[in-house]
Protein backbone atom coordinates (compact mmCIF):
# COMPACT_ATOMS: atom_id res chain seq x y z
CA MET A 1 5.90 8.67 32.74
CA GLN A 2 8.60 7.39 29.85
CA ALA A 3 9.51 8.62 26.79
CA GLY A 4 8.45 5.37 24.67
CA LYS A 5 5.27 6.04 26.29
CA SER A 6 4.79 9.96 25.49
CA MET A 7 5.74 9.60 21.98
CA PHE A 8 3.24 6.75 21.79
CA ILE A 9 0.50 8.82 23.07
CA VAL A 10 0.92 11.73 21.53
CA GLY A 11 1.26 9.48 17.97
CA SER A 12 -1.78 8.95 18.71
CA LEU A 13 -3.08 11.92 19.20
CA MET A 14 -1.87 13.01 15.96
CA PHE A 15 -3.36 10.20 13.94
CA LEU A 16 -7.11 11.18 15.41
CA ALA A 17 -6.33 14.53 14.94
CA GLY A 18 -4.99 13.66 11.26
CA LEU A 19 -8.62 11.13 10.80
CA VAL A 20 -10.57 14.50 11.85
CA MET A 21 -9.13 16.92 9.42
CA PHE A 22 -9.01 14.91 6.37
CA TYR A 23 -12.87 13.14 7.25
CA SER A 24 -14.60 16.43 7.72
CA ILE A 25 -13.73 18.10 4.33
CA GLU A 26 -16.15 16.12 1.65
CA THR A 27 -13.58 15.81 -1.61
CA GLY A 28 -15.18 17.96 -4.03
CA GLN A 29 -14.37 20.73 -2.42
CA ILE A 30 -12.57 22.99 -4.11
CA GLU A 31 -11.61 25.79 -2.17
CA PRO A 32 -7.98 26.17 -1.38
CA GLU A 33 -8.27 26.21 2.29
CA LEU A 34 -10.04 23.84 3.07
CA ARG A 35 -7.82 21.74 0.50
CA LEU A 36 -4.93 23.19 2.77
CA ILE A 37 -6.07 21.53 5.82
CA LYS A 38 -7.57 17.87 3.97
CA ASN A 39 -4.25 18.01 2.48
CA SER A 40 -2.49 19.08 6.44
CA GLY A 41 -4.86 16.32 7.69
CA THR A 42 -2.91 13.75 5.48
CA PHE A 43 0.47 15.24 6.59
CA ILE A 44 -0.46 15.75 10.49
CA GLY A 45 -1.67 11.83 10.05
CA LEU A 46 1.23 9.73 8.28
CA SER A 47 3.01 12.16 10.53
CA GLY A 48 1.63 10.70 13.97
CA ILE A 49 2.66 7.00 12.91
CA GLY A 50 5.55 7.47 12.38
CA VAL A 51 6.31 9.02 16.06
CA GLY A 52 4.16 6.08 17.80
CA VAL A 53 5.72 3.72 16.54
CA ALA A 54 8.74 5.86 16.86
CA GLY A 55 6.94 5.74 20.19
CA ILE A 56 7.33 1.96 20.28
CA LEU A 57 10.18 0.95 19.73
CA LEU A 58 11.64 3.32 22.02
CA TYR A 59 9.40 1.78 24.68
CA LEU A 60 10.91 -1.68 24.20
CA ILE A 61 14.97 -1.14 23.87
CA ASN A 62 14.96 0.73 26.76
CA ARG A 63 12.81 -2.03 29.00
CA ASN A 64 14.98 -3.43 31.64
CA GLN A 65 16.81 -6.99 31.00
CA PRO A 66 16.80 -9.99 33.66
CA GLN A 67 20.37 -10.31 34.78
CA MET A 68 22.11 -12.50 33.54
CA GLN A 69 23.40 -15.29 35.55
CA GLU A 70 27.18 -15.55 35.63
CA ASN A 71 27.74 -17.92 37.40
CA PHE A 72 27.87 -21.84 36.15
CA GLU A 73 28.54 -23.62 38.86
CA THR A 74 26.53 -26.97 39.81
CA ARG A 75 26.07 -26.72 43.63
CA GLU A 76 27.23 -30.70 44.97
């Protein structure tokens, strides 16, 4: 598997894990452990977006380019 595709998959999984961590805890919680998990979910989700975008860019950069035509002479 290419690096770009695997980075995109890892970034997507990080983003989903961040969503679960963020939305599984209610906003009004005052326990420091739960607030830490919620804040960690925000960080992991945003990091996952960055990793996913990097994976997309790597995939686009490493694509096979079509061969350039070097012979411009016409046939007669």
